[in-house]
Amino acid sequence: MNSSRRRFFRTLSAAAFWIDARVRGADQPRSNFIIRSARPEDFEMPLDGFLTSITPNERFFVRTHVYTPQVNLPQWQLRVEGEVQNPLSLSMDELKKLPAAELTAVLECAGNGRAFYKPTVPGLQWRYGGVGNARWTGVRLADVLKKAGVKSSGQEVLFNGADVPLAAMPDFIRTVPLAKALHPETLLAFEMNGRPLPASHGFPLRLIVPGWAGDNWVKWVTNIQLLDKEYDGFWMKTGYRHPLHAVAPGTAVDPAQMTPVTSLGPKSVIATPIDGQGIASGSVTMRGAAWSGESPVARVDVSTDNGRSWRAARLDSDHGRYSWRLWEASWTPPSTGSHVLMARATDQSGQTQPLSQEWNPSGYLWNVVQQVRVDIGTPSPAAAEARTPAPAFPENLKQSCVGCHGEDMISGQKLTRAQWERELDKMVRWGATVQPADRSAIVDFLARHFGR
């Protein structure tokens, strides 16, 4: 590893320590989460988070590609440029002079549920909790664009933030079609649940794209640019894309044959009882939350006989078309023994959760009906999720791969040798230094210890 690369990683490590100790420590206690990656921070909400209407900031999942930037609010400016008649540069005080808007909406990572795809796919192995429901307060993006004056040539709206890419990773820049940007419920938020945005959730300004997956909810926004054509950057043309048609599991798909991830599908989660739990005889109450994309949840049905029959669950009050709804259903087991419980959400357009799902190469948009197996008559707690302790990483792997991110990012994967080879090649393109003589040994180690 050359000296400039060592200095780069030392700087990143120091920045990460400063942020963890002084900024995010109070907002994101790690004990509240399932840690998918400690550095950069990717924290999953446990199942009991689906028992509350609003997810508290300190329990709201965290997804970050990079280290959280430090933003000096007095110096911060929002620039609006490109295909506009009046380019703008707004301070937070100037932005807040626009009419205020508030919206309760679900934010869900596009990869939430990735761990359930078979065959496995690379990426953070989210299960259920890469999602949360919050009240977002800010201004309408449409009001900002109106103030700038959108030219007739404007087609796409580009968003960039204060975050800095790691090594040679492409800058995280996303675009939203103008029609969605002008929707009255698309916001630029500066508050989350009545408090200033936490640093890990985009302080001081975050894009809110209700009904769409979280890759579109750009954090730490500093720049908005109106484009007269589609943007061809990595995170639009290669990353966060979904096949146009069904593909065979394990198939590599050309990004040109895929489309950007946008709207979510209907989804429900059973928070209690928990899979594998033993329950004494008597009445059982199933509880959880359900949400959808741009069409609100209309109903949740439950099954207590492995999907042979279904009945409606009780829904709580409607908190808005983009909010999740809590649900519950009582059940008296007809006998002791093993039973499979299921919950299935349907939105107002008639779209219903599937019982199986088409595979896709990035593991996006999982919304298959959840199955929870319980044992009636033998009370016992369900086992918590556990990971096998990772083996000691060889020195060449540490030097090549454990600089931008920690070992937990690697140890959470279960990939084939070919997938590990592709991941290593990607990391090299993004700045990792792998000596040719070490490449085979590194791939061997990864495939042996973190293979399928």
Protein backbone atom coordinates (compact mmCIF):
# COMPACT_ATOMS: atom_id res chain seq x y z
CA MET A 1 0.00 0.00 0.00
CA ASN A 2 1.53 3.36 -1.02
CA SER A 3 1.97 6.25 1.40
CA SER A 4 -0.76 8.44 -0.10
CA ARG A 5 -3.27 5.58 0.23
CA ARG A 6 -2.23 5.06 3.88
CA ARG A 7 -2.76 8.77 4.58
CA PHE A 8 -6.18 8.59 2.89
CA PHE A 9 -7.33 5.73 5.12
CA ARG A 10 -5.87 7.33 8.26
CA THR A 11 -7.85 10.47 7.46
CA LEU A 12 -11.03 8.46 6.92
CA SER A 13 -10.54 6.55 10.17
CA ALA A 14 -10.01 9.76 12.12
CA ALA A 15 -13.10 11.32 10.56
CA ALA A 16 -15.16 8.24 11.36
CA PHE A 17 -14.02 8.33 14.99
CA TRP A 18 -14.84 12.03 15.33
CA ILE A 19 -18.30 11.55 13.85
CA ASP A 20 -19.09 8.49 15.98
CA ALA A 21 -17.90 10.14 19.19
CA ARG A 22 -19.31 13.63 18.77
CA VAL A 23 -22.15 13.63 16.25
CA ARG A 24 -23.98 10.36 15.87
CA GLY A 25 -23.36 8.79 19.23
CA ALA A 26 -26.35 10.53 20.80
CA ASP A 27 -28.62 10.03 17.78
CA GLN A 28 -27.88 6.41 16.90
CA PRO A 29 -27.05 4.20 19.92
CA ARG A 30 -25.69 1.01 18.39
CA SER A 31 -27.42 -1.17 20.98
CA ASN A 32 -30.73 -0.25 19.30
CA PHE A 33 -29.80 -1.97 16.05
CA ILE A 34 -28.63 -5.06 14.25
CA ILE A 35 -25.24 -3.97 12.91
CA ARG A 36 -24.83 -4.87 9.25
CA SER A 37 -21.74 -2.70 8.88
CA ALA A 38 -20.06 -0.59 11.54
CA ARG A 39 -17.97 1.41 9.05
CA PRO A 40 -19.60 2.91 7.01
CA GLU A 41 -22.65 2.65 9.22
CA ASP A 42 -25.46 0.37 8.11
CA PHE A 43 -27.80 -0.38 11.01
CA GLU A 44 -30.96 -2.50 10.82
CA MET A 45 -34.01 -1.96 13.01
CA PRO A 46 -35.03 -5.08 15.03
CA LEU A 47 -38.49 -6.60 14.58
CA ASP A 48 -39.99 -4.87 17.62
CA GLY A 49 -39.68 -1.59 15.73
CA PHE A 50 -42.73 -2.68 13.72
CA LEU A 51 -44.91 -2.30 16.82
CA THR A 52 -44.87 1.53 16.82
CA SER A 53 -46.67 3.89 14.45
CA ILE A 54 -43.72 6.27 14.19
CA THR A 55 -40.13 5.04 14.29
CA PRO A 56 -38.09 7.13 16.76
CA ASN A 57 -34.98 8.75 15.31
CA GLU A 58 -32.75 6.73 17.60
CA ARG A 59 -34.25 3.46 16.27
CA PHE A 60 -34.53 4.41 12.61
CA PHE A 61 -32.36 2.24 10.34
CA VAL A 62 -29.22 3.77 8.84
CA ARG A 63 -27.91 3.19 5.31
CA THR A 64 -24.68 4.89 4.22
CA HIS A 65 -22.36 4.25 1.28
CA VAL A 66 -19.68 6.53 2.71
CA TYR A 67 -18.69 8.20 5.97
CA THR A 68 -21.09 10.85 7.22
CA PRO A 69 -19.93 14.35 6.20
CA GLN A 70 -19.48 17.21 8.64
CA VAL A 71 -21.68 20.12 7.57
CA ASN A 72 -21.22 23.65 8.90
CA LEU A 73 -24.78 25.00 8.79
CA PRO A 74 -23.88 28.75 8.80
CA GLN A 75 -21.78 28.13 5.68
CA TRP A 76 -24.15 25.66 4.02
CA GLN A 77 -25.91 26.71 0.82
CA LEU A 78 -28.41 24.97 -1.44
CA ARG A 79 -27.58 25.67 -5.09
CA VAL A 80 -30.24 25.30 -7.78
CA GLU A 81 -28.93 25.53 -11.34
CA GLY A 82 -29.03 24.02 -14.80
CA GLU A 83 -32.16 24.38 -16.95
CA VAL A 84 -33.65 27.14 -14.80
CA GLN A 85 -34.36 30.79 -15.45
CA ASN A 86 -33.08 32.06 -12.08
CA PRO A 87 -30.21 30.06 -10.53
CA LEU A 88 -30.46 30.11 -6.75
CA SER A 89 -28.16 29.90 -3.75
CA LEU A 90 -30.23 29.57 -0.57
CA SER A 91 -29.23 29.50 3.08
CA MET A 92 -31.31 27.42 5.49
CA ASP A 93 -33.00 30.59 6.79
CA GLU A 94 -33.95 31.57 3.23
CA LEU A 95 -35.19 28.06 2.47
CA LYS A 96 -37.40 28.11 5.57
CA LYS A 97 -39.17 31.26 4.31
CA LEU A 98 -40.98 29.05 1.79
CA PRO A 99 -44.29 27.48 2.91
CA ALA A 100 -43.69 24.62 5.35
CA ALA A 101 -44.88 21.10 4.52
CA GLU A 102 -45.09 17.92 6.59
CA LEU A 103 -45.54 14.32 5.54
CA THR A 104 -45.53 10.95 7.29
CA ALA A 105 -43.84 8.46 5.00
CA VAL A 106 -42.04 5.13 4.98
CA LEU A 107 -38.38 5.11 4.00
CA GLU A 108 -37.24 1.65 2.88
CA CYS A 109 -33.86 0.65 1.51
CA ALA A 110 -34.17 -0.84 -1.98
CA GLY A 111 -32.16 -3.83 -0.73
CA ASN A 112 -34.31 -4.52 2.33
CA GLY A 113 -34.91 -8.29 2.36
CA ARG A 114 -31.86 -9.02 0.20
CA ALA A 115 -30.81 -11.81 2.60
CA PHE A 116 -33.81 -13.89 1.49
CA TYR A 117 -32.93 -14.11 -2.22
CA LYS A 118 -31.77 -17.53 -3.42
CA PRO A 119 -29.21 -17.80 -4.89
CA THR A 120 -27.62 -15.13 -2.73
CA VAL A 121 -26.53 -11.79 -4.15
CA PRO A 122 -23.76 -9.40 -3.06
CA GLY A 123 -24.56 -6.45 -0.83
CA LEU A 124 -25.64 -5.77 2.72
CA GLN A 125 -27.69 -8.72 3.93
CA TRP A 126 -30.75 -6.82 5.18
CA ARG A 127 -33.60 -8.95 6.47
CA TYR A 128 -36.71 -7.02 7.58
CA GLY A 129 -35.54 -3.85 9.31
CA GLY A 130 -34.00 -1.73 6.54
CA VAL A 131 -37.09 0.46 6.80
CA GLY A 132 -38.77 3.00 9.10
CA ASN A 133 -41.73 5.36 9.27
CA ALA A 134 -41.23 9.03 10.20
CA ARG A 135 -42.78 12.50 10.08
CA TRP A 136 -40.73 14.62 7.70
CA THR A 137 -40.94 18.42 7.82
CA GLY A 138 -39.51 20.79 5.24
CA VAL A 139 -40.59 22.56 2.08
CA ARG A 140 -42.03 21.31 -1.18
CA LEU A 141 -39.39 20.69 -3.82
CA ALA A 142 -41.89 22.11 -6.32
CA ASP A 143 -41.80 25.49 -4.50
CA VAL A 144 -38.01 25.62 -4.75
CA LEU A 145 -38.12 24.74 -8.45
CA LYS A 146 -40.87 27.30 -9.04
CA LYS A 147 -38.72 29.95 -7.40
CA ALA A 148 -35.87 29.03 -9.77
CA GLY A 149 -38.16 28.89 -12.81
CA VAL A 150 -37.96 25.57 -14.65
CA LYS A 151 -37.27 25.94 -18.35
CA SER A 152 -39.32 23.95 -20.84
CA SER A 153 -36.18 21.94 -21.63
CA GLY A 154 -36.02 20.50 -18.08
CA GLN A 155 -36.61 16.73 -17.90
CA GLU A 156 -34.67 15.27 -14.97
CA VAL A 157 -33.74 16.76 -11.59
CA LEU A 158 -30.28 15.86 -10.27
CA PHE A 159 -29.41 15.80 -6.55
CA ASN A 160 -25.94 15.81 -5.06
CA GLY A 161 -24.92 15.96 -1.41
CA ALA A 162 -22.03 16.92 0.83
CA ASP A 163 -20.87 13.30 1.15
CA VAL A 164 -17.44 12.46 -0.28
CA PRO A 165 -16.82 9.19 -2.16
CA LEU A 166 -14.39 6.66 -0.70
CA ALA A 167 -11.24 6.30 -2.82
CA ALA A 168 -12.33 5.99 -6.47
CA MET A 169 -15.96 5.11 -5.71
CA PRO A 170 -18.31 7.15 -7.96
CA ASP A 171 -19.97 10.10 -6.26
CA PHE A 172 -23.49 9.22 -5.11
CA ILE A 173 -25.65 11.32 -7.46
CA ARG A 174 -29.25 10.47 -8.30
CA THR A 175 -31.90 11.97 -10.53
CA VAL A 176 -35.69 12.05 -10.30
CA PRO A 177 -38.02 12.66 -13.26
CA LEU A 178 -39.41 16.19 -13.31
CA ALA A 179 -43.00 15.00 -12.83
CA LYS A 180 -42.10 13.25 -9.55
CA ALA A 181 -40.01 16.22 -8.44
CA LEU A 182 -42.98 18.55 -8.94
CA HIS A 183 -45.38 16.30 -7.05
CA PRO A 184 -46.71 18.32 -4.08
CA GLU A 185 -45.67 15.60 -1.59
CA THR A 186 -42.03 15.43 -2.73
CA LEU A 187 -40.16 17.40 -0.07
CA LEU A 188 -36.82 18.81 0.96
CA ALA A 189 -36.85 17.95 4.67
CA PHE A 190 -34.85 19.56 7.45
CA GLU A 191 -36.68 17.90 10.36
CA MET A 192 -37.38 14.27 11.26
CA ASN A 193 -40.04 13.55 13.88
CA GLY A 194 -40.03 17.16 15.03
CA ARG A 195 -36.26 17.43 15.46
CA PRO A 196 -33.45 18.58 13.15
CA LEU A 197 -32.32 15.78 10.87
CA PRO A 198 -29.69 13.60 12.56
CA ALA A 199 -26.33 13.65 10.80
CA SER A 200 -26.76 10.02 9.73
CA HIS A 201 -30.11 10.89 8.12
CA GLY A 202 -28.92 13.78 6.00
CA PHE A 203 -28.41 16.89 8.14
CA PRO A 204 -29.17 19.58 7.21
CA LEU A 205 -31.36 18.68 4.19
CA ARG A 206 -32.71 15.46 2.73
CA LEU A 207 -34.81 14.70 -0.32
CA ILE A 208 -38.09 12.92 0.49
CA VAL A 209 -39.52 10.91 -2.44
CA PRO A 210 -42.63 9.27 -0.95
CA GLY A 211 -43.57 5.85 -2.24
CA TRP A 212 -40.15 5.31 -3.83
CA ALA A 213 -37.24 3.26 -2.52
CA GLY A 214 -34.60 4.91 -0.34
CA ASP A 215 -31.91 5.14 -3.03
CA ASN A 216 -33.86 8.13 -4.33
CA TRP A 217 -33.95 9.89 -0.92
CA VAL A 218 -30.63 11.71 -1.32
CA LYS A 219 -29.02 12.90 1.94
CA TRP A 220 -26.97 16.01 2.82
CA VAL A 221 -28.34 17.81 -0.26
CA THR A 222 -26.25 20.75 -1.44
CA ASN A 223 -26.94 20.89 -5.16
CA ILE A 224 -30.04 20.57 -7.37
CA GLN A 225 -29.54 20.68 -11.11
CA LEU A 226 -32.20 20.62 -13.82
CA LEU A 227 -31.09 18.48 -16.77
CA ASP A 228 -32.40 18.39 -20.32
CA LYS A 229 -31.67 14.64 -20.66
CA GLU A 230 -31.16 11.51 -18.61
CA TYR A 231 -28.11 11.50 -16.37
CA ASP A 232 -25.48 8.90 -17.26
CA GLY A 233 -23.64 8.67 -13.92
CA PHE A 234 -22.89 5.32 -12.26
CA TRP A 235 -25.68 5.39 -9.66
CA MET A 236 -28.31 5.84 -12.38
CA LYS A 237 -26.93 3.86 -15.33
CA THR A 238 -25.32 0.97 -13.42
CA GLY A 239 -26.30 1.03 -9.73
CA TYR A 240 -29.83 0.67 -8.33
CA ARG A 241 -31.33 -0.89 -11.43
CA HIS A 242 -33.84 -3.71 -11.81
CA PRO A 243 -34.34 -6.08 -14.81
CA LEU A 244 -37.04 -5.12 -17.28
CA HIS A 245 -38.07 -8.78 -17.55
CA ALA A 246 -37.83 -11.90 -15.39
CA VAL A 247 -34.39 -13.53 -15.47
CA ALA A 248 -33.11 -16.94 -14.40
CA PRO A 249 -31.66 -16.95 -10.87
CA GLY A 250 -27.92 -16.30 -10.93
CA THR A 251 -28.00 -14.57 -14.32
CA ALA A 252 -25.77 -11.56 -14.93
CA VAL A 253 -27.83 -8.78 -16.53
CA ASP A 254 -26.47 -5.90 -18.63
CA PRO A 255 -27.42 -2.61 -16.92
CA ALA A 256 -28.78 -1.43 -20.28
CA GLN A 257 -31.44 -4.15 -19.94
CA MET A 258 -32.52 -2.80 -16.56
CA THR A 259 -34.44 0.23 -15.30
CA PRO A 260 -33.89 2.44 -12.23
CA VAL A 261 -35.50 1.28 -8.97
CA THR A 262 -38.45 3.51 -8.11
CA SER A 263 -41.79 2.58 -6.50
CA LEU A 264 -42.15 0.11 -3.64
CA GLY A 265 -44.65 -2.76 -3.63
CA PRO A 266 -47.08 -3.68 -0.84
CA LYS A 267 -45.40 -5.33 2.13
CA SER A 268 -46.20 -6.47 5.65
CA VAL A 269 -44.02 -7.67 8.52
CA ILE A 270 -45.02 -9.86 11.45
CA ALA A 271 -43.33 -8.38 14.51
CA THR A 272 -44.79 -10.82 17.02
CA PRO A 273 -44.79 -13.74 17.52
CA ILE A 274 -41.26 -14.37 16.29
CA ASP A 275 -40.18 -17.21 14.03
CA GLY A 276 -39.22 -20.26 16.07
CA GLN A 277 -40.96 -19.07 19.21
CA GLY A 278 -42.64 -21.54 21.53
CA ILE A 279 -46.02 -20.43 22.88
CA ALA A 280 -48.20 -21.82 25.65
CA SER A 281 -51.70 -22.87 24.69
CA GLY A 282 -54.28 -20.10 24.56
CA SER A 283 -55.09 -17.06 22.44
CA VAL A 284 -52.25 -15.61 20.36
CA THR A 285 -52.16 -12.02 19.04
CA MET A 286 -50.30 -11.44 15.80
CA ARG A 287 -49.03 -7.87 15.34
CA GLY A 288 -47.02 -6.00 12.76
CA ALA A 289 -46.91 -3.18 10.22
CA ALA A 290 -47.79 -2.89 6.53
CA TRP A 291 -46.96 -0.31 3.86
CA SER A 292 -46.87 0.15 0.12
CA GLY A 293 -45.53 2.51 -2.54
CA GLU A 294 -47.60 5.13 -4.32
CA SER A 295 -50.88 3.33 -3.66
CA PRO A 296 -51.90 3.16 0.04
CA VAL A 297 -52.42 -0.06 1.99
CA ALA A 298 -56.05 -1.14 1.74
CA ARG A 299 -56.04 -4.31 3.83
CA VAL A 300 -53.92 -6.92 5.57
CA ASP A 301 -54.98 -10.56 5.63
CA VAL A 302 -53.49 -13.23 7.87
CA SER A 303 -53.25 -16.99 7.61
CA THR A 304 -52.63 -19.38 10.49
CA ASP A 305 -52.65 -22.57 8.42
CA ASN A 306 -49.73 -22.06 6.02
CA GLY A 307 -51.75 -20.07 3.49
CA ARG A 308 -54.69 -22.44 3.03
CA SER A 309 -57.15 -19.84 4.30
CA TRP A 310 -57.02 -16.07 4.94
CA ARG A 311 -58.96 -13.56 7.01
CA ALA A 312 -58.77 -9.80 7.49
CA ALA A 313 -56.61 -8.31 10.22
CA ARG A 314 -57.58 -5.13 12.11
CA LEU A 315 -55.85 -1.98 10.85
CA ASP A 316 -55.06 1.08 12.97
CA SER A 317 -55.86 4.64 11.91
CA ASP A 318 -54.70 5.83 8.51
CA HIS A 319 -51.78 8.23 9.00
CA GLY A 320 -51.53 9.18 5.32
CA ARG A 321 -51.09 7.44 1.99
CA TYR A 322 -47.33 6.94 2.43
CA SER A 323 -47.31 5.92 6.09
CA TRP A 324 -47.28 2.37 7.33
CA ARG A 325 -50.27 1.03 9.23
CA LEU A 326 -50.12 -1.18 12.28
CA TRP A 327 -52.28 -4.28 12.23
CA GLU A 328 -53.21 -7.10 14.59
CA ALA A 329 -55.17 -10.33 14.53
CA SER A 330 -56.17 -12.75 17.30
CA TRP A 331 -55.85 -16.50 16.87
CA THR A 332 -56.76 -19.44 19.04
CA PRO A 333 -54.65 -22.44 17.99
CA PRO A 334 -56.81 -25.52 17.29
CA SER A 335 -54.09 -27.84 18.56
CA THR A 336 -50.60 -28.01 19.94
CA GLY A 337 -47.65 -28.50 17.63
CA SER A 338 -46.04 -26.53 14.80
CA HIS A 339 -48.04 -23.86 12.92
CA VAL A 340 -47.07 -21.41 10.14
CA LEU A 341 -48.41 -17.84 10.40
CA MET A 342 -48.48 -15.45 7.45
CA ALA A 343 -49.52 -11.86 6.72
CA ARG A 344 -50.26 -10.39 3.31
CA ALA A 345 -50.78 -6.70 2.42
CA THR A 346 -52.90 -5.42 -0.48
CA ASP A 347 -52.85 -1.82 -1.72
CA GLN A 348 -55.73 0.24 -3.08
CA SER A 349 -54.75 -0.52 -6.68
CA GLY A 350 -55.31 -4.24 -5.96
CA GLN A 351 -51.64 -5.22 -5.92
CA THR A 352 -50.95 -7.95 -3.32
CA GLN A 353 -47.77 -9.35 -1.82
CA PRO A 354 -46.52 -12.41 -3.72
CA LEU A 355 -45.86 -15.83 -2.21
CA SER A 356 -42.66 -16.06 -4.26
CA GLN A 357 -40.59 -13.47 -6.10
CA GLU A 358 -38.63 -13.12 -9.31
CA TRP A 359 -34.89 -13.12 -8.62
CA ASN A 360 -32.83 -10.07 -9.58
CA PRO A 361 -29.03 -9.65 -9.57
CA SER A 362 -28.92 -6.93 -6.89
CA GLY A 363 -31.56 -8.28 -4.52
CA TYR A 364 -33.89 -5.28 -4.71
CA LEU A 365 -37.55 -4.80 -3.74
CA TRP A 366 -38.13 -8.04 -1.80
CA ASN A 367 -41.77 -8.17 -0.65
CA VAL A 368 -42.59 -11.88 -0.41
CA VAL A 369 -45.17 -12.88 2.22
CA GLN A 370 -43.35 -13.56 5.49
CA GLN A 371 -43.73 -16.95 7.18
CA VAL A 372 -43.42 -17.36 10.94
CA ARG A 373 -43.37 -20.87 12.40
CA VAL A 374 -44.42 -21.19 16.04
CA ASP A 375 -44.62 -24.19 18.36
CA ILE A 376 -47.81 -24.24 20.42
CA GLY A 377 -47.65 -25.96 23.78
CA THR A 378 -43.93 -25.61 24.53
CA PRO A 379 -43.23 -22.04 25.64
CA SER A 380 -39.74 -20.83 24.81
CA PRO A 381 -38.20 -17.62 23.46
CA ALA A 382 -37.17 -17.46 19.83
CA ALA A 383 -33.45 -17.53 19.15
CA ALA A 384 -31.95 -14.17 18.25
CA GLU A 385 -30.17 -13.80 14.93
CA ALA A 386 -26.58 -14.92 15.30
CA ARG A 387 -23.52 -14.82 13.09
CA THR A 388 -20.68 -17.30 13.08
CA PRO A 389 -17.57 -15.53 14.35
CA ALA A 390 -15.40 -14.44 11.43
CA PRO A 391 -12.00 -16.07 11.05
CA ALA A 392 -8.84 -13.99 11.34
CA PHE A 393 -8.37 -12.05 8.13
CA PRO A 394 -4.97 -12.52 6.42
CA GLU A 395 -2.80 -9.44 6.24
CA ASN A 396 -3.02 -9.06 2.45
CA LEU A 397 -6.84 -8.99 2.69
CA LYS A 398 -6.74 -6.39 5.46
CA GLN A 399 -4.44 -4.13 3.45
CA SER A 400 -6.44 -4.51 0.25
CA CYS A 401 -10.04 -4.51 1.47
CA VAL A 402 -10.39 -3.41 5.08
CA GLY A 403 -9.69 0.28 4.66
CA CYS A 404 -12.85 1.90 3.40
CA HIS A 405 -15.09 -0.52 5.32
CA GLY A 406 -14.82 -2.93 8.23
CA GLU A 407 -14.57 -6.71 8.27
CA ASP A 408 -18.29 -7.06 9.08
CA MET A 409 -19.18 -5.82 5.59
CA ILE A 410 -17.35 -8.85 4.21
CA SER A 411 -18.35 -11.44 6.81
CA GLY A 412 -22.07 -10.75 6.25
CA GLN A 413 -21.85 -12.07 2.68
CA LYS A 414 -22.43 -15.59 1.37
CA LEU A 415 -21.19 -15.51 -2.23
CA THR A 416 -19.85 -17.94 -4.80
CA ARG A 417 -16.25 -17.77 -5.90
CA ALA A 418 -17.29 -16.07 -9.15
CA GLN A 419 -19.27 -13.46 -7.22
CA TRP A 420 -16.29 -12.77 -4.94
CA GLU A 421 -14.08 -12.35 -8.00
CA ARG A 422 -16.48 -9.77 -9.42
CA GLU A 423 -16.69 -7.96 -6.06
CA LEU A 424 -12.90 -7.84 -5.81
CA ASP A 425 -12.64 -6.48 -9.36
CA LYS A 426 -15.17 -3.76 -8.48
CA MET A 427 -13.21 -2.78 -5.38
CA VAL A 428 -10.04 -2.51 -7.47
CA ARG A 429 -11.85 -0.19 -9.88
CA TRP A 430 -12.88 1.89 -6.86
CA GLY A 431 -9.33 2.24 -5.55
CA ALA A 432 -8.42 -0.94 -3.62
CA THR A 433 -4.81 -2.05 -4.15
CA VAL A 434 -4.58 -5.80 -4.77
CA GLN A 435 -1.22 -7.25 -5.75
CA PRO A 436 -1.56 -9.74 -8.64
CA ALA A 437 0.28 -12.37 -6.57
CA ASP A 438 -2.29 -11.99 -3.76
CA ARG A 439 -5.49 -12.03 -5.82
CA SER A 440 -6.02 -15.80 -5.97
CA ALA A 441 -5.26 -16.29 -2.26
CA ILE A 442 -7.70 -13.51 -1.30
CA VAL A 443 -10.48 -14.99 -3.44
CA ASP A 444 -9.76 -18.47 -2.02
CA PHE A 445 -10.09 -17.16 1.55
CA LEU A 446 -13.33 -15.28 0.81
CA ALA A 447 -14.94 -18.18 -1.04
CA ARG A 448 -13.91 -20.70 1.66
CA HIS A 449 -15.10 -18.71 4.68
CA PHE A 450 -17.88 -16.55 3.19
CA GLY A 451 -19.22 -18.72 0.39
CA ARG A 452 -22.75 -20.02 -0.01
